[in-house]
Amino acid sequence: MAGGMGIFFAKWYHRLIMCTLEPHIKERMARQAIMDHLESCTHEHIVGHGKKLHPAECAICLAAWQPLDRIKVTPCKHTFHEAFVASWLKNADTCALCRLDPVSAVAQHNSV
């Protein structure tokens, strides 16, 4: 009987922990998925044709754009190296510059 109660409480405790963590797991997955929805941009798009659409450097690392850089553009039109914005979004819910919530902005854009 005691073994059965121990198993019952172990399963109950596991379920309690999982129910507590589930919203955080889903939130973390949403942050990772947002990278797929961010616009990709080329070096030529940023520095070419005399148009200055974006700053000449990444807003996180402050390095000038190079021809082979993988560049992402947030819904608020800020540009970052893909690796840096991915790292930023693992720990934050906002754009590194203006604090706009890119998850909500992309979801709002997709629902229109």
N, C-alpha and C. Protein backbone atom coordinates (compact mmCIF):
# COMPACT_ATOMS: atom_id res chain seq x y z
N MET A 1 0.82 -1.19 0.00
CA MET A 1 0.00 0.00 0.00
C MET A 1 0.87 1.25 0.00
N ALA A 2 1.94 1.26 0.83
CA ALA A 2 2.80 2.44 0.90
C ALA A 2 3.50 2.69 -0.42
N GLY A 3 3.89 1.60 -1.14
CA GLY A 3 4.52 1.75 -2.44
C GLY A 3 3.59 2.39 -3.45
N GLY A 4 2.31 2.01 -3.41
CA GLY A 4 1.31 2.58 -4.31
C GLY A 4 1.10 4.06 -4.06
N MET A 5 1.08 4.44 -2.78
CA MET A 5 0.91 5.86 -2.44
C MET A 5 2.12 6.67 -2.87
N GLY A 6 3.30 6.08 -2.75
CA GLY A 6 4.53 6.77 -3.16
C GLY A 6 4.53 7.04 -4.66
N ILE A 7 4.10 6.03 -5.42
CA ILE A 7 4.02 6.20 -6.88
C ILE A 7 2.98 7.26 -7.22
N PHE A 8 1.83 7.21 -6.54
CA PHE A 8 0.77 8.20 -6.77
C PHE A 8 1.30 9.62 -6.54
N PHE A 9 1.98 9.83 -5.40
CA PHE A 9 2.48 11.16 -5.09
C PHE A 9 3.61 11.58 -6.04
N ALA A 10 4.42 10.63 -6.47
CA ALA A 10 5.48 10.95 -7.41
C ALA A 10 4.88 11.42 -8.73
N LYS A 11 3.85 10.72 -9.23
CA LYS A 11 3.20 11.12 -10.47
C LYS A 11 2.49 12.46 -10.31
N TRP A 12 1.82 12.65 -9.17
CA TRP A 12 1.12 13.90 -8.91
C TRP A 12 2.12 15.06 -8.87
N TYR A 13 3.25 14.87 -8.20
CA TYR A 13 4.26 15.90 -8.09
C TYR A 13 4.84 16.23 -9.47
N HIS A 14 5.12 15.20 -10.28
CA HIS A 14 5.63 15.41 -11.63
C HIS A 14 4.64 16.23 -12.46
N ARG A 15 3.36 15.87 -12.37
CA ARG A 15 2.34 16.60 -13.12
C ARG A 15 2.23 18.04 -12.64
N LEU A 16 2.32 18.27 -11.35
CA LEU A 16 2.27 19.62 -10.80
C LEU A 16 3.42 20.46 -11.35
N ILE A 17 4.62 19.92 -11.35
CA ILE A 17 5.79 20.62 -11.87
C ILE A 17 5.62 20.93 -13.36
N MET A 18 5.17 19.95 -14.14
CA MET A 18 5.01 20.13 -15.58
C MET A 18 3.95 21.19 -15.89
N CYS A 19 2.85 21.19 -15.13
CA CYS A 19 1.81 22.20 -15.34
C CYS A 19 2.32 23.59 -15.01
N THR A 20 3.19 23.67 -14.04
CA THR A 20 3.77 24.96 -13.66
C THR A 20 4.73 25.45 -14.74
N LEU A 21 5.50 24.55 -15.32
CA LEU A 21 6.51 24.93 -16.31
C LEU A 21 5.95 25.11 -17.71
N GLU A 22 4.82 24.51 -18.02
CA GLU A 22 4.29 24.50 -19.39
C GLU A 22 4.19 25.89 -20.01
N PRO A 23 3.64 26.91 -19.34
CA PRO A 23 3.58 28.23 -19.98
C PRO A 23 4.97 28.77 -20.31
N HIS A 24 5.96 28.51 -19.47
CA HIS A 24 7.32 28.99 -19.72
C HIS A 24 7.96 28.25 -20.90
N ILE A 25 7.67 26.96 -21.03
CA ILE A 25 8.19 26.19 -22.16
C ILE A 25 7.60 26.72 -23.45
N LYS A 26 6.29 26.97 -23.48
CA LYS A 26 5.65 27.51 -24.68
C LYS A 26 6.20 28.89 -25.01
N GLU A 27 6.41 29.72 -23.99
CA GLU A 27 6.95 31.06 -24.20
C GLU A 27 8.35 30.97 -24.81
N ARG A 28 9.18 30.10 -24.32
CA ARG A 28 10.54 29.92 -24.85
C ARG A 28 10.49 29.45 -26.29
N MET A 29 9.56 28.56 -26.62
CA MET A 29 9.43 28.09 -28.00
C MET A 29 9.00 29.23 -28.91
N ALA A 30 8.13 30.12 -28.43
CA ALA A 30 7.68 31.25 -29.24
C ALA A 30 8.86 32.18 -29.55
N ARG A 31 9.74 32.37 -28.58
CA ARG A 31 10.91 33.23 -28.81
C ARG A 31 11.82 32.64 -29.88
N GLN A 32 12.00 31.33 -29.87
CA GLN A 32 12.85 30.71 -30.86
C GLN A 32 12.19 30.77 -32.24
N ALA A 33 10.89 30.57 -32.30
CA ALA A 33 10.17 30.57 -33.58
C ALA A 33 10.12 31.95 -34.21
N ILE A 34 10.23 33.01 -33.42
CA ILE A 34 10.14 34.36 -33.96
C ILE A 34 11.26 34.63 -34.96
N MET A 35 12.40 33.97 -34.80
CA MET A 35 13.51 34.17 -35.73
C MET A 35 13.11 33.81 -37.16
N ASP A 36 12.25 32.81 -37.32
CA ASP A 36 11.80 32.42 -38.65
C ASP A 36 10.92 33.49 -39.29
N HIS A 37 10.30 34.32 -38.46
CA HIS A 37 9.39 35.33 -38.98
C HIS A 37 10.05 36.69 -39.19
N LEU A 38 11.26 36.86 -38.70
CA LEU A 38 11.95 38.12 -38.92
C LEU A 38 12.45 38.19 -40.36
N GLU A 39 12.34 39.35 -40.94
CA GLU A 39 12.80 39.57 -42.32
C GLU A 39 14.31 39.41 -42.39
N SER A 40 14.79 38.72 -43.41
CA SER A 40 16.23 38.63 -43.66
C SER A 40 16.61 39.72 -44.64
N CYS A 41 17.82 40.21 -44.50
CA CYS A 41 18.27 41.34 -45.30
C CYS A 41 19.68 41.06 -45.80
N THR A 42 20.01 41.54 -46.98
CA THR A 42 21.35 41.34 -47.52
C THR A 42 22.21 42.58 -47.31
N HIS A 43 23.49 42.38 -47.38
CA HIS A 43 24.45 43.48 -47.27
C HIS A 43 24.16 44.54 -48.33
N GLU A 44 23.86 44.11 -49.55
CA GLU A 44 23.60 45.05 -50.63
C GLU A 44 22.36 45.89 -50.34
N HIS A 45 21.37 45.29 -49.71
CA HIS A 45 20.14 46.03 -49.37
C HIS A 45 20.44 47.16 -48.38
N ILE A 46 21.37 46.91 -47.50
CA ILE A 46 21.67 47.92 -46.48
C ILE A 46 22.60 49.00 -46.99
N VAL A 47 23.66 48.63 -47.68
CA VAL A 47 24.67 49.63 -48.06
C VAL A 47 24.64 49.99 -49.54
N GLY A 48 23.88 49.28 -50.35
CA GLY A 48 23.92 49.50 -51.79
C GLY A 48 23.00 50.61 -52.28
N HIS A 49 23.26 51.04 -53.49
CA HIS A 49 22.42 51.97 -54.25
C HIS A 49 22.28 53.35 -53.62
N GLY A 50 23.16 53.74 -52.74
CA GLY A 50 23.15 55.08 -52.18
C GLY A 50 22.00 55.38 -51.23
N LYS A 51 21.08 54.44 -51.05
CA LYS A 51 19.97 54.64 -50.12
C LYS A 51 20.40 54.19 -48.73
N LYS A 52 20.16 55.01 -47.76
CA LYS A 52 20.50 54.63 -46.39
C LYS A 52 19.22 54.25 -45.66
N LEU A 53 18.82 52.98 -45.83
CA LEU A 53 17.60 52.49 -45.19
C LEU A 53 17.83 52.07 -43.75
N HIS A 54 19.06 51.65 -43.46
CA HIS A 54 19.41 51.13 -42.14
C HIS A 54 20.77 51.68 -41.73
N PRO A 55 21.09 51.62 -40.44
CA PRO A 55 22.43 52.03 -39.99
C PRO A 55 23.51 51.17 -40.63
N ALA A 56 24.72 51.68 -40.62
CA ALA A 56 25.86 51.00 -41.26
C ALA A 56 26.44 49.89 -40.39
N GLU A 57 25.88 49.65 -39.19
CA GLU A 57 26.41 48.61 -38.31
C GLU A 57 25.29 47.94 -37.52
N CYS A 58 25.64 46.78 -36.98
CA CYS A 58 24.72 46.04 -36.11
C CYS A 58 24.50 46.83 -34.83
N ALA A 59 23.25 46.94 -34.42
CA ALA A 59 22.94 47.72 -33.22
C ALA A 59 23.36 47.03 -31.93
N ILE A 60 23.68 45.75 -31.97
CA ILE A 60 24.10 45.04 -30.76
C ILE A 60 25.62 45.03 -30.63
N CYS A 61 26.31 44.54 -31.67
CA CYS A 61 27.77 44.41 -31.55
C CYS A 61 28.52 45.63 -32.08
N LEU A 62 27.81 46.50 -32.80
CA LEU A 62 28.36 47.75 -33.36
C LEU A 62 29.42 47.53 -34.44
N ALA A 63 29.49 46.31 -34.99
CA ALA A 63 30.42 46.04 -36.09
C ALA A 63 29.76 46.45 -37.41
N ALA A 64 30.56 46.99 -38.32
CA ALA A 64 30.06 47.36 -39.64
C ALA A 64 29.62 46.10 -40.39
N TRP A 65 28.62 46.25 -41.24
CA TRP A 65 28.13 45.12 -42.02
C TRP A 65 29.18 44.66 -43.01
N GLN A 66 29.28 43.34 -43.16
CA GLN A 66 30.20 42.72 -44.12
C GLN A 66 29.36 41.99 -45.17
N PRO A 67 29.89 41.79 -46.38
CA PRO A 67 29.11 41.18 -47.46
C PRO A 67 28.49 39.81 -47.13
N LEU A 68 29.11 39.00 -46.31
CA LEU A 68 28.57 37.67 -46.01
C LEU A 68 27.74 37.60 -44.73
N ASP A 69 27.50 38.74 -44.09
CA ASP A 69 26.73 38.76 -42.84
C ASP A 69 25.30 38.30 -43.06
N ARG A 70 24.77 37.57 -42.07
CA ARG A 70 23.36 37.18 -42.05
C ARG A 70 22.66 38.22 -41.19
N ILE A 71 21.80 39.01 -41.81
CA ILE A 71 21.19 40.17 -41.16
C ILE A 71 19.69 39.95 -41.01
N LYS A 72 19.17 40.26 -39.83
CA LYS A 72 17.74 40.16 -39.58
C LYS A 72 17.19 41.56 -39.29
N VAL A 73 15.96 41.79 -39.73
CA VAL A 73 15.27 43.06 -39.52
C VAL A 73 14.05 42.79 -38.66
N THR A 74 13.92 43.51 -37.58
CA THR A 74 12.78 43.34 -36.68
C THR A 74 11.56 44.05 -37.26
N PRO A 75 10.35 43.78 -36.73
CA PRO A 75 9.15 44.48 -37.21
C PRO A 75 9.25 46.00 -37.03
N CYS A 76 10.08 46.44 -36.10
CA CYS A 76 10.27 47.87 -35.87
C CYS A 76 11.38 48.44 -36.76
N LYS A 77 11.88 47.61 -37.69
CA LYS A 77 12.87 48.00 -38.71
C LYS A 77 14.28 48.24 -38.17
N HIS A 78 14.64 47.60 -37.06
CA HIS A 78 16.01 47.65 -36.57
C HIS A 78 16.76 46.43 -37.12
N THR A 79 18.03 46.61 -37.42
CA THR A 79 18.83 45.55 -38.04
C THR A 79 19.90 45.04 -37.09
N PHE A 80 20.07 43.70 -37.11
CA PHE A 80 21.02 43.04 -36.23
C PHE A 80 21.63 41.85 -36.96
N HIS A 81 22.83 41.45 -36.55
CA HIS A 81 23.36 40.17 -37.01
C HIS A 81 22.41 39.09 -36.50
N GLU A 82 22.15 38.10 -37.33
CA GLU A 82 21.22 37.03 -36.96
C GLU A 82 21.59 36.36 -35.64
N ALA A 83 22.86 36.06 -35.45
CA ALA A 83 23.29 35.37 -34.23
C ALA A 83 23.06 36.23 -32.99
N PHE A 84 23.29 37.53 -33.11
CA PHE A 84 23.14 38.40 -31.95
C PHE A 84 21.67 38.60 -31.57
N VAL A 85 20.81 38.80 -32.57
CA VAL A 85 19.39 38.98 -32.24
C VAL A 85 18.79 37.66 -31.72
N ALA A 86 19.25 36.53 -32.23
CA ALA A 86 18.78 35.23 -31.72
C ALA A 86 19.18 35.08 -30.26
N SER A 87 20.41 35.44 -29.94
CA SER A 87 20.87 35.36 -28.56
C SER A 87 20.09 36.32 -27.67
N TRP A 88 19.84 37.51 -28.16
CA TRP A 88 19.09 38.51 -27.40
C TRP A 88 17.68 37.99 -27.09
N LEU A 89 17.01 37.43 -28.11
CA LEU A 89 15.64 36.98 -27.92
C LEU A 89 15.52 35.75 -27.03
N LYS A 90 16.62 35.05 -26.78
CA LYS A 90 16.57 33.94 -25.83
C LYS A 90 16.39 34.46 -24.41
N ASN A 91 16.80 35.69 -24.17
CA ASN A 91 16.77 36.25 -22.82
C ASN A 91 15.83 37.43 -22.65
N ALA A 92 15.29 37.95 -23.75
CA ALA A 92 14.44 39.15 -23.67
C ALA A 92 13.22 38.99 -24.57
N ASP A 93 12.18 39.73 -24.25
CA ASP A 93 10.95 39.70 -25.04
C ASP A 93 10.84 40.91 -25.96
N THR A 94 11.88 41.69 -26.07
CA THR A 94 11.78 42.96 -26.77
C THR A 94 12.91 43.17 -27.77
N CYS A 95 12.72 44.16 -28.63
CA CYS A 95 13.78 44.60 -29.52
C CYS A 95 14.91 45.16 -28.67
N ALA A 96 16.14 44.92 -29.08
CA ALA A 96 17.29 45.39 -28.30
C ALA A 96 17.41 46.91 -28.30
N LEU A 97 16.78 47.59 -29.25
CA LEU A 97 16.87 49.05 -29.30
C LEU A 97 15.65 49.77 -28.73
N CYS A 98 14.47 49.44 -29.25
CA CYS A 98 13.29 50.24 -28.89
C CYS A 98 12.35 49.55 -27.91
N ARG A 99 12.61 48.31 -27.58
CA ARG A 99 11.83 47.53 -26.62
C ARG A 99 10.45 47.13 -27.13
N LEU A 100 10.21 47.20 -28.45
CA LEU A 100 8.98 46.68 -29.02
C LEU A 100 8.97 45.17 -28.85
N ASP A 101 7.81 44.59 -28.60
CA ASP A 101 7.68 43.14 -28.47
C ASP A 101 7.56 42.55 -29.87
N PRO A 102 8.63 41.93 -30.40
CA PRO A 102 8.57 41.41 -31.77
C PRO A 102 7.62 40.23 -31.94
N VAL A 103 7.40 39.45 -30.90
CA VAL A 103 6.48 38.32 -30.99
C VAL A 103 5.07 38.84 -31.24
N SER A 104 4.64 39.83 -30.47
CA SER A 104 3.31 40.40 -30.64
C SER A 104 3.19 41.12 -31.97
N ALA A 105 4.24 41.83 -32.37
CA ALA A 105 4.21 42.56 -33.64
C ALA A 105 4.07 41.61 -34.82
N VAL A 106 4.79 40.51 -34.81
CA VAL A 106 4.69 39.53 -35.90
C VAL A 106 3.32 38.86 -35.87
N ALA A 107 2.83 38.50 -34.69
CA ALA A 107 1.52 37.87 -34.59
C ALA A 107 0.43 38.82 -35.08
N GLN A 108 0.54 40.09 -34.74
CA GLN A 108 -0.44 41.08 -35.17
C GLN A 108 -0.38 41.25 -36.69
N HIS A 109 0.81 41.29 -37.25
CA HIS A 109 0.99 41.43 -38.70
C HIS A 109 0.42 40.23 -39.43
N ASN A 110 0.64 39.02 -38.90
CA ASN A 110 0.14 37.80 -39.54
C ASN A 110 -1.37 37.66 -39.46
N SER A 111 -2.00 38.28 -38.46
CA SER A 111 -3.45 38.16 -38.32
C SER A 111 -4.19 39.16 -39.21
N VAL A 112 -3.49 40.12 -39.79
CA VAL A 112 -4.13 41.14 -40.65
C VAL A 112 -4.34 40.59 -42.02
